[in-house]
Amino acid sequence: MSLSLSRGWRTAALLGLPLVIGCSPPPSDPNGPWRPPEPEPVRLAFDGTILGADGVPPERRLAEDVHLTVTPTVVTSGGETLVGVEVSVQLAPGWYLDERGLRFEHDNEVHVEGAYRREGGKIIVLATRIAKKGTPVVELRDEKGNPLWPVTPPSASGDTTGPIKPTPK
């Protein structure tokens, strides 16, 4: 008994083979889908005035970062002029700032060092160091932007008002 295919079947099999191969899913990329690289953050340092601060509720202050809205008055380094522009400064969890005695109020003068990027038209600064006028500098992150606080915050005890005094309306 012969297992040879008739000429018609061989032709159909050869013509259908590319169709089957063309329908197979594309090979997977071990690095995930391609995305354009994110722009490098621009390093900067500036002095500025606090316009406002987000008041993190006591029940969430162990986990959430405190953010300040600051208007730079003097930019000491960085890529573009930010004087007079509102910027959002991301600091650290409230408990970390509490441990270092940092409390912020509307109109406080601050010195901020870090890196910034534009996000949806806003300027976001990831602070590596901050100081209120007349106080020592507090380190928040290393030069690569890694936080200096431990992953697990200390237990919530004592004052839970946080490092922010409400912004006057």
N, C-alpha and C. Protein backbone atom coordinates (compact mmCIF):
# COMPACT_ATOMS: atom_id res chain seq x y z
N MET A 1 0.84 -1.16 0.00
CA MET A 1 0.00 0.00 0.00
C MET A 1 0.90 1.23 0.00
N SER A 2 0.62 2.15 -0.85
CA SER A 2 1.44 3.33 -1.01
C SER A 2 0.81 4.49 -0.25
N LEU A 3 1.65 5.30 0.43
CA LEU A 3 1.16 6.45 1.17
C LEU A 3 1.37 7.75 0.39
N SER A 4 1.55 7.65 -0.86
CA SER A 4 1.78 8.87 -1.63
C SER A 4 0.47 9.62 -1.82
N LEU A 5 0.61 10.94 -1.83
CA LEU A 5 -0.56 11.80 -2.03
C LEU A 5 -0.74 12.06 -3.51
N SER A 6 -1.95 12.19 -3.92
CA SER A 6 -2.18 12.52 -5.32
C SER A 6 -1.68 13.94 -5.56
N ARG A 7 -1.49 14.24 -6.81
CA ARG A 7 -0.94 15.53 -7.18
C ARG A 7 -1.81 16.68 -6.65
N GLY A 8 -3.11 16.56 -6.67
CA GLY A 8 -4.02 17.60 -6.20
C GLY A 8 -3.88 17.85 -4.70
N TRP A 9 -3.73 16.78 -3.93
CA TRP A 9 -3.58 16.92 -2.49
C TRP A 9 -2.26 17.55 -2.13
N ARG A 10 -1.21 17.16 -2.86
CA ARG A 10 0.10 17.77 -2.59
C ARG A 10 0.06 19.27 -2.85
N THR A 11 -0.56 19.68 -3.92
CA THR A 11 -0.64 21.10 -4.25
C THR A 11 -1.44 21.83 -3.18
N ALA A 12 -2.56 21.26 -2.75
CA ALA A 12 -3.39 21.89 -1.72
C ALA A 12 -2.63 21.99 -0.42
N ALA A 13 -1.88 20.95 -0.07
CA ALA A 13 -1.11 20.97 1.18
C ALA A 13 -0.03 22.04 1.13
N LEU A 14 0.68 22.19 0.01
CA LEU A 14 1.73 23.19 -0.12
C LEU A 14 1.17 24.60 -0.12
N LEU A 15 0.02 24.80 -0.75
CA LEU A 15 -0.59 26.12 -0.77
C LEU A 15 -1.16 26.51 0.59
N GLY A 16 -1.64 25.56 1.35
CA GLY A 16 -2.23 25.83 2.66
C GLY A 16 -1.20 26.01 3.76
N LEU A 17 0.03 25.52 3.56
CA LEU A 17 1.06 25.62 4.58
C LEU A 17 1.40 27.07 4.94
N PRO A 18 1.62 27.96 3.97
CA PRO A 18 1.90 29.36 4.33
C PRO A 18 0.73 30.01 5.06
N LEU A 19 -0.48 29.61 4.72
CA LEU A 19 -1.65 30.16 5.38
C LEU A 19 -1.65 29.80 6.86
N VAL A 20 -1.29 28.56 7.20
CA VAL A 20 -1.24 28.12 8.59
C VAL A 20 -0.11 28.84 9.33
N ILE A 21 1.05 28.97 8.70
CA ILE A 21 2.18 29.63 9.34
C ILE A 21 1.87 31.11 9.55
N GLY A 22 1.20 31.76 8.57
CA GLY A 22 0.87 33.18 8.67
C GLY A 22 -0.14 33.47 9.77
N CYS A 23 -0.90 32.48 10.19
CA CYS A 23 -1.92 32.69 11.22
C CYS A 23 -1.40 32.45 12.62
N SER A 24 -0.19 31.99 12.75
CA SER A 24 0.33 31.73 14.09
C SER A 24 0.63 33.05 14.78
N PRO A 25 0.54 33.09 16.11
CA PRO A 25 0.79 34.34 16.83
C PRO A 25 2.25 34.75 16.69
N PRO A 26 2.53 36.05 16.77
CA PRO A 26 3.92 36.49 16.65
C PRO A 26 4.72 36.01 17.85
N PRO A 27 6.02 35.86 17.67
CA PRO A 27 6.83 35.42 18.80
C PRO A 27 6.76 36.45 19.92
N SER A 28 6.79 36.00 21.15
CA SER A 28 6.69 36.92 22.28
C SER A 28 8.05 37.54 22.55
N ASP A 29 8.02 38.80 22.98
CA ASP A 29 9.23 39.54 23.31
C ASP A 29 9.51 39.31 24.79
N PRO A 30 10.67 38.75 25.15
CA PRO A 30 10.96 38.50 26.57
C PRO A 30 11.05 39.78 27.38
N ASN A 31 11.25 40.93 26.74
CA ASN A 31 11.34 42.20 27.45
C ASN A 31 10.02 42.95 27.51
N GLY A 32 8.96 42.32 27.05
CA GLY A 32 7.66 42.97 27.06
C GLY A 32 7.48 43.82 25.82
N PRO A 33 6.32 44.48 25.68
CA PRO A 33 6.09 45.29 24.49
C PRO A 33 7.03 46.50 24.48
N TRP A 34 7.37 46.96 23.29
CA TRP A 34 8.27 48.10 23.17
C TRP A 34 7.56 49.37 23.57
N ARG A 35 8.22 50.18 24.35
CA ARG A 35 7.72 51.49 24.74
C ARG A 35 8.83 52.49 24.52
N PRO A 36 8.48 53.70 24.14
CA PRO A 36 9.54 54.70 23.99
C PRO A 36 10.17 54.97 25.35
N PRO A 37 11.46 55.24 25.38
CA PRO A 37 12.11 55.50 26.68
C PRO A 37 11.57 56.77 27.32
N GLU A 38 11.48 56.76 28.65
CA GLU A 38 11.05 57.95 29.37
C GLU A 38 12.19 58.95 29.36
N PRO A 39 11.87 60.23 29.25
CA PRO A 39 12.95 61.22 29.27
C PRO A 39 13.64 61.23 30.63
N GLU A 40 14.94 61.50 30.61
CA GLU A 40 15.69 61.59 31.86
C GLU A 40 15.19 62.80 32.65
N PRO A 41 15.00 62.64 33.97
CA PRO A 41 14.60 63.81 34.75
C PRO A 41 15.75 64.82 34.77
N VAL A 42 15.38 66.09 34.86
CA VAL A 42 16.35 67.17 34.89
C VAL A 42 16.64 67.54 36.33
N ARG A 43 17.91 67.54 36.72
CA ARG A 43 18.32 67.89 38.08
C ARG A 43 18.18 69.39 38.28
N LEU A 44 17.74 69.80 39.45
CA LEU A 44 17.65 71.22 39.74
C LEU A 44 17.68 71.48 41.23
N ALA A 45 17.94 72.72 41.57
CA ALA A 45 17.87 73.21 42.95
C ALA A 45 17.24 74.59 42.87
N PHE A 46 16.36 74.90 43.82
CA PHE A 46 15.73 76.21 43.81
C PHE A 46 15.28 76.62 45.20
N ASP A 47 15.16 77.93 45.39
CA ASP A 47 14.54 78.50 46.57
C ASP A 47 13.15 78.93 46.14
N GLY A 48 12.19 78.79 47.06
CA GLY A 48 10.83 79.16 46.69
C GLY A 48 9.93 79.36 47.89
N THR A 49 8.70 79.73 47.59
CA THR A 49 7.69 80.01 48.60
C THR A 49 6.58 78.98 48.49
N ILE A 50 6.19 78.41 49.63
CA ILE A 50 5.12 77.42 49.65
C ILE A 50 3.78 78.13 49.45
N LEU A 51 3.04 77.68 48.44
CA LEU A 51 1.70 78.20 48.19
C LEU A 51 0.65 77.35 48.89
N GLY A 52 0.95 76.05 49.03
CA GLY A 52 0.00 75.14 49.66
C GLY A 52 0.61 73.78 49.86
N ALA A 53 -0.08 72.99 50.65
CA ALA A 53 0.37 71.63 50.92
C ALA A 53 -0.84 70.74 51.01
N ASP A 54 -0.68 69.51 50.53
CA ASP A 54 -1.80 68.59 50.66
C ASP A 54 -1.82 68.09 52.09
N GLY A 55 -2.94 68.21 52.72
CA GLY A 55 -3.10 67.71 54.07
C GLY A 55 -3.46 66.24 54.02
N VAL A 56 -2.48 65.38 54.27
CA VAL A 56 -2.74 63.94 54.25
C VAL A 56 -3.50 63.59 55.53
N PRO A 57 -4.68 62.97 55.40
CA PRO A 57 -5.45 62.62 56.59
C PRO A 57 -4.65 61.69 57.50
N PRO A 58 -4.83 61.79 58.82
CA PRO A 58 -4.05 60.99 59.77
C PRO A 58 -4.10 59.49 59.49
N GLU A 59 -5.23 58.98 59.03
CA GLU A 59 -5.34 57.54 58.79
C GLU A 59 -4.51 57.08 57.59
N ARG A 60 -4.08 58.02 56.73
CA ARG A 60 -3.30 57.63 55.55
C ARG A 60 -1.87 58.17 55.58
N ARG A 61 -1.50 58.94 56.61
CA ARG A 61 -0.21 59.61 56.58
C ARG A 61 0.98 58.68 56.73
N LEU A 62 0.77 57.45 57.16
CA LEU A 62 1.89 56.51 57.24
C LEU A 62 2.32 56.03 55.87
N ALA A 63 1.40 56.03 54.92
CA ALA A 63 1.70 55.45 53.61
C ALA A 63 1.88 56.49 52.51
N GLU A 64 1.25 57.63 52.62
CA GLU A 64 1.24 58.57 51.50
C GLU A 64 2.28 59.66 51.64
N ASP A 65 2.84 60.05 50.50
CA ASP A 65 3.80 61.13 50.46
C ASP A 65 3.11 62.47 50.60
N VAL A 66 3.80 63.40 51.24
CA VAL A 66 3.33 64.78 51.35
C VAL A 66 3.80 65.52 50.10
N HIS A 67 2.91 66.34 49.55
CA HIS A 67 3.23 67.15 48.37
C HIS A 67 3.07 68.62 48.72
N LEU A 68 3.99 69.44 48.23
CA LEU A 68 3.89 70.89 48.39
C LEU A 68 3.70 71.53 47.02
N THR A 69 2.98 72.63 46.99
CA THR A 69 2.93 73.46 45.79
C THR A 69 3.81 74.66 46.10
N VAL A 70 4.84 74.84 45.27
CA VAL A 70 5.85 75.86 45.53
C VAL A 70 6.03 76.72 44.29
N THR A 71 6.26 78.01 44.50
CA THR A 71 6.64 78.91 43.42
C THR A 71 8.11 79.23 43.58
N PRO A 72 8.96 78.75 42.66
CA PRO A 72 10.38 79.07 42.76
C PRO A 72 10.62 80.57 42.60
N THR A 73 11.53 81.11 43.44
CA THR A 73 11.91 82.51 43.35
C THR A 73 13.32 82.65 42.79
N VAL A 74 14.17 81.66 43.07
CA VAL A 74 15.54 81.65 42.55
C VAL A 74 15.87 80.21 42.18
N VAL A 75 16.22 79.98 40.92
CA VAL A 75 16.63 78.64 40.49
C VAL A 75 18.15 78.65 40.42
N THR A 76 18.78 77.81 41.26
CA THR A 76 20.24 77.80 41.33
C THR A 76 20.87 76.83 40.36
N SER A 77 20.12 75.88 39.85
CA SER A 77 20.61 74.99 38.80
C SER A 77 19.42 74.32 38.15
N GLY A 78 19.61 73.85 36.93
CA GLY A 78 18.52 73.20 36.22
C GLY A 78 18.47 73.65 34.78
N GLY A 79 17.63 72.99 34.02
CA GLY A 79 17.61 73.20 32.60
C GLY A 79 16.83 74.40 32.10
N GLU A 80 15.74 74.79 32.74
CA GLU A 80 14.92 75.88 32.21
C GLU A 80 14.51 76.81 33.34
N THR A 81 13.99 77.96 32.98
CA THR A 81 13.58 78.94 33.98
C THR A 81 12.23 78.53 34.55
N LEU A 82 12.20 78.32 35.85
CA LEU A 82 10.95 77.96 36.52
C LEU A 82 10.50 79.04 37.48
N VAL A 83 11.19 80.18 37.49
CA VAL A 83 10.85 81.26 38.41
C VAL A 83 9.43 81.72 38.14
N GLY A 84 8.62 81.75 39.22
CA GLY A 84 7.24 82.20 39.11
C GLY A 84 6.24 81.15 38.65
N VAL A 85 6.71 79.94 38.31
CA VAL A 85 5.84 78.87 37.85
C VAL A 85 5.50 77.97 39.04
N GLU A 86 4.23 77.59 39.17
CA GLU A 86 3.87 76.67 40.25
C GLU A 86 4.39 75.28 39.94
N VAL A 87 5.08 74.67 40.91
CA VAL A 87 5.56 73.30 40.75
C VAL A 87 5.04 72.46 41.91
N SER A 88 4.82 71.19 41.65
CA SER A 88 4.41 70.25 42.69
C SER A 88 5.66 69.51 43.16
N VAL A 89 5.92 69.57 44.46
CA VAL A 89 7.10 68.94 45.03
C VAL A 89 6.67 67.73 45.84
N GLN A 90 7.14 66.54 45.42
CA GLN A 90 6.83 65.31 46.14
C GLN A 90 7.93 65.10 47.17
N LEU A 91 7.53 65.00 48.45
CA LEU A 91 8.50 64.90 49.53
C LEU A 91 8.68 63.45 50.00
N ALA A 92 8.00 63.08 51.06
CA ALA A 92 8.17 61.78 51.71
C ALA A 92 6.91 61.52 52.53
N PRO A 93 6.78 60.31 53.09
CA PRO A 93 5.62 60.06 53.97
C PRO A 93 5.63 61.02 55.17
N GLY A 94 4.43 61.35 55.64
CA GLY A 94 4.30 62.27 56.77
C GLY A 94 5.09 61.85 57.99
N TRP A 95 5.11 60.55 58.30
CA TRP A 95 5.83 60.09 59.50
C TRP A 95 7.32 60.35 59.39
N TYR A 96 7.89 60.25 58.17
CA TYR A 96 9.32 60.48 57.97
C TYR A 96 9.65 61.95 58.20
N LEU A 97 8.77 62.83 57.72
CA LEU A 97 8.97 64.26 57.93
C LEU A 97 8.79 64.62 59.40
N ASP A 98 7.81 63.99 60.07
CA ASP A 98 7.60 64.20 61.51
C ASP A 98 8.87 63.88 62.31
N GLU A 99 9.47 62.72 61.99
CA GLU A 99 10.67 62.29 62.72
C GLU A 99 11.81 63.29 62.59
N ARG A 100 11.81 64.06 61.51
CA ARG A 100 12.88 65.03 61.28
C ARG A 100 12.46 66.45 61.65
N GLY A 101 11.29 66.55 62.27
CA GLY A 101 10.82 67.85 62.76
C GLY A 101 10.40 68.83 61.67
N LEU A 102 10.04 68.32 60.51
CA LEU A 102 9.63 69.20 59.41
C LEU A 102 8.13 69.45 59.45
N ARG A 103 7.77 70.71 59.53
CA ARG A 103 6.38 71.14 59.44
C ARG A 103 6.35 72.29 58.46
N PHE A 104 5.37 72.27 57.57
CA PHE A 104 5.30 73.27 56.52
C PHE A 104 4.03 74.09 56.65
N GLU A 105 4.17 75.38 56.36
CA GLU A 105 3.03 76.31 56.39
C GLU A 105 3.04 77.14 55.11
N HIS A 106 1.88 77.67 54.79
CA HIS A 106 1.74 78.60 53.68
C HIS A 106 2.74 79.75 53.87
N ASP A 107 3.39 80.15 52.81
CA ASP A 107 4.37 81.24 52.78
C ASP A 107 5.73 80.90 53.40
N ASN A 108 5.96 79.66 53.87
CA ASN A 108 7.31 79.28 54.31
C ASN A 108 8.26 79.38 53.11
N GLU A 109 9.48 79.81 53.37
CA GLU A 109 10.52 79.83 52.35
C GLU A 109 11.27 78.50 52.45
N VAL A 110 11.47 77.83 51.32
CA VAL A 110 12.15 76.53 51.32
C VAL A 110 13.25 76.51 50.25
N HIS A 111 14.21 75.63 50.48
CA HIS A 111 15.23 75.30 49.48
C HIS A 111 14.99 73.85 49.11
N VAL A 112 14.83 73.57 47.80
CA VAL A 112 14.51 72.22 47.32
C VAL A 112 15.59 71.80 46.32
N GLU A 113 16.04 70.54 46.45
CA GLU A 113 16.93 69.93 45.46
C GLU A 113 16.28 68.64 45.01
N GLY A 114 16.43 68.31 43.74
CA GLY A 114 15.84 67.08 43.24
C GLY A 114 15.91 67.01 41.73
N ALA A 115 14.93 66.34 41.17
CA ALA A 115 14.83 66.20 39.72
C ALA A 115 13.39 66.45 39.33
N TYR A 116 13.19 67.03 38.15
CA TYR A 116 11.82 67.29 37.74
C TYR A 116 11.54 66.73 36.36
N ARG A 117 10.24 66.59 36.11
CA ARG A 117 9.77 66.16 34.80
C ARG A 117 8.42 66.85 34.56
N ARG A 118 8.03 66.94 33.33
CA ARG A 118 6.72 67.48 32.99
C ARG A 118 5.76 66.32 32.83
N GLU A 119 4.59 66.48 33.40
CA GLU A 119 3.58 65.43 33.34
C GLU A 119 2.23 66.09 33.12
N GLY A 120 1.70 65.94 31.93
CA GLY A 120 0.40 66.53 31.62
C GLY A 120 0.36 68.03 31.80
N GLY A 121 1.44 68.72 31.43
CA GLY A 121 1.49 70.17 31.55
C GLY A 121 1.92 70.66 32.92
N LYS A 122 2.01 69.78 33.90
CA LYS A 122 2.45 70.17 35.24
C LYS A 122 3.92 69.82 35.41
N ILE A 123 4.59 70.53 36.29
CA ILE A 123 5.98 70.24 36.62
C ILE A 123 5.99 69.54 37.97
N ILE A 124 6.51 68.32 37.98
CA ILE A 124 6.58 67.51 39.19
C ILE A 124 8.04 67.39 39.61
N VAL A 125 8.34 67.76 40.84
CA VAL A 125 9.70 67.67 41.36
C VAL A 125 9.75 66.54 42.38
N LEU A 126 10.65 65.60 42.17
CA LEU A 126 10.90 64.54 43.14
C LEU A 126 12.06 65.03 44.00
N ALA A 127 11.75 65.48 45.21
CA ALA A 127 12.76 66.12 46.07
C ALA A 127 13.73 65.10 46.64
N THR A 128 15.02 65.42 46.56
CA THR A 128 16.05 64.59 47.21
C THR A 128 16.48 65.23 48.52
N ARG A 129 16.37 66.56 48.62
CA ARG A 129 16.73 67.29 49.83
C ARG A 129 15.79 68.48 49.96
N ILE A 130 15.48 68.87 51.20
CA ILE A 130 14.66 70.06 51.42
C ILE A 130 15.08 70.70 52.74
N ALA A 131 14.95 72.02 52.79
CA ALA A 131 15.20 72.76 54.02
C ALA A 131 14.28 73.97 54.06
N LYS A 132 13.71 74.23 55.24
CA LYS A 132 13.01 75.48 55.43
C LYS A 132 14.07 76.53 55.74
N LYS A 133 13.77 77.78 55.42
CA LYS A 133 14.73 78.86 55.65
C LYS A 133 15.15 78.86 57.12
N GLY A 134 16.46 78.82 57.34
CA GLY A 134 16.99 78.87 58.70
C GLY A 134 17.07 77.52 59.40
N THR A 135 16.77 76.41 58.69
CA THR A 135 16.86 75.08 59.31
C THR A 135 17.82 74.22 58.50
N PRO A 136 18.33 73.14 59.11
CA PRO A 136 19.24 72.25 58.37
C PRO A 136 18.53 71.53 57.23
N VAL A 137 19.34 71.13 56.26
CA VAL A 137 18.84 70.36 55.11
C VAL A 137 18.47 68.95 55.57
N VAL A 138 17.35 68.44 55.07
CA VAL A 138 16.92 67.07 55.37
C VAL A 138 17.03 66.25 54.09
N GLU A 139 17.73 65.13 54.18
CA GLU A 139 17.89 64.22 53.04
C GLU A 139 16.63 63.36 52.93
N LEU A 140 16.07 63.27 51.71
CA LEU A 140 14.86 62.47 51.48
C LEU A 140 15.14 61.25 50.60
N ARG A 141 15.99 61.42 49.61
CA ARG A 141 16.30 60.35 48.65
C ARG A 141 17.77 60.41 48.30
N ASP A 142 18.30 59.29 47.78
CA ASP A 142 19.67 59.31 47.29
C ASP A 142 19.68 59.95 45.90
N GLU A 143 20.85 60.08 45.30
CA GLU A 143 20.98 60.74 44.00
C GLU A 143 20.24 60.02 42.87
N LYS A 144 19.94 58.72 43.05
CA LYS A 144 19.20 57.98 42.04
C LYS A 144 17.69 58.09 42.24
N GLY A 145 17.27 58.77 43.32
CA GLY A 145 15.85 58.94 43.59
C GLY A 145 15.26 57.88 44.50
N ASN A 146 16.10 57.00 45.05
CA ASN A 146 15.61 55.97 45.96
C ASN A 146 15.34 56.56 47.34
N PRO A 147 14.17 56.28 47.92
CA PRO A 147 13.84 56.85 49.23
C PRO A 147 14.79 56.38 50.33
N LEU A 148 15.05 57.27 51.29
CA LEU A 148 15.93 56.94 52.41
C LEU A 148 15.15 56.41 53.61
N TRP A 149 13.81 56.42 53.54
CA TRP A 149 13.01 55.90 54.65
C TRP A 149 12.81 54.41 54.47
N PRO A 150 12.60 53.67 55.58
CA PRO A 150 12.38 52.23 55.47
C PRO A 150 11.03 51.93 54.82
N VAL A 151 10.94 50.74 54.23
CA VAL A 151 9.70 50.33 53.55
C VAL A 151 8.55 50.26 54.54
N THR A 152 8.80 49.71 55.71
CA THR A 152 7.77 49.58 56.72
C THR A 152 7.86 50.75 57.69
N PRO A 153 6.82 51.58 57.76
CA PRO A 153 6.86 52.73 58.67
C PRO A 153 6.77 52.29 60.12
N PRO A 154 7.25 53.13 61.04
CA PRO A 154 7.10 52.80 62.46
C PRO A 154 5.62 52.77 62.82
N SER A 155 5.29 52.16 63.93
CA SER A 155 3.88 52.08 64.32
C SER A 155 3.35 53.48 64.58
N ALA A 156 2.08 53.65 64.27
CA ALA A 156 1.46 54.96 64.46
C ALA A 156 1.23 55.20 65.94
N SER A 157 1.95 56.15 66.49
CA SER A 157 1.75 56.49 67.89
C SER A 157 2.07 57.96 68.07
N GLY A 158 1.53 58.54 69.10
CA GLY A 158 1.81 59.94 69.38
C GLY A 158 1.02 60.87 68.48
N ASP A 159 1.65 61.95 68.09
CA ASP A 159 1.00 63.00 67.30
C ASP A 159 0.64 62.49 65.91
N THR A 160 -0.61 62.61 65.54
CA THR A 160 -1.03 62.18 64.20
C THR A 160 -1.51 63.34 63.36
N THR A 161 -1.10 64.55 63.74
CA THR A 161 -1.55 65.71 62.98
C THR A 161 -0.77 65.86 61.69
N GLY A 162 0.39 65.26 61.59
CA GLY A 162 1.18 65.33 60.37
C GLY A 162 2.02 66.59 60.29
N PRO A 163 2.83 66.69 59.24
CA PRO A 163 3.75 67.80 59.11
C PRO A 163 3.16 69.04 58.44
N ILE A 164 1.85 69.04 58.22
CA ILE A 164 1.23 70.12 57.47
C ILE A 164 0.27 70.90 58.35
N LYS A 165 0.37 72.20 58.27
CA LYS A 165 -0.67 73.04 58.86
C LYS A 165 -1.55 73.47 57.71
N PRO A 166 -2.88 73.46 57.87
CA PRO A 166 -3.78 73.75 56.75
C PRO A 166 -3.46 75.09 56.10
N THR A 167 -3.62 75.13 54.79
CA THR A 167 -3.41 76.35 54.03
C THR A 167 -4.58 77.27 54.28
N PRO A 168 -4.29 78.55 54.61
CA PRO A 168 -5.41 79.47 54.85
C PRO A 168 -6.20 79.70 53.57
N LYS A 169 -7.49 79.86 53.73
CA LYS A 169 -8.36 80.05 52.55
C LYS A 169 -8.59 81.52 52.32
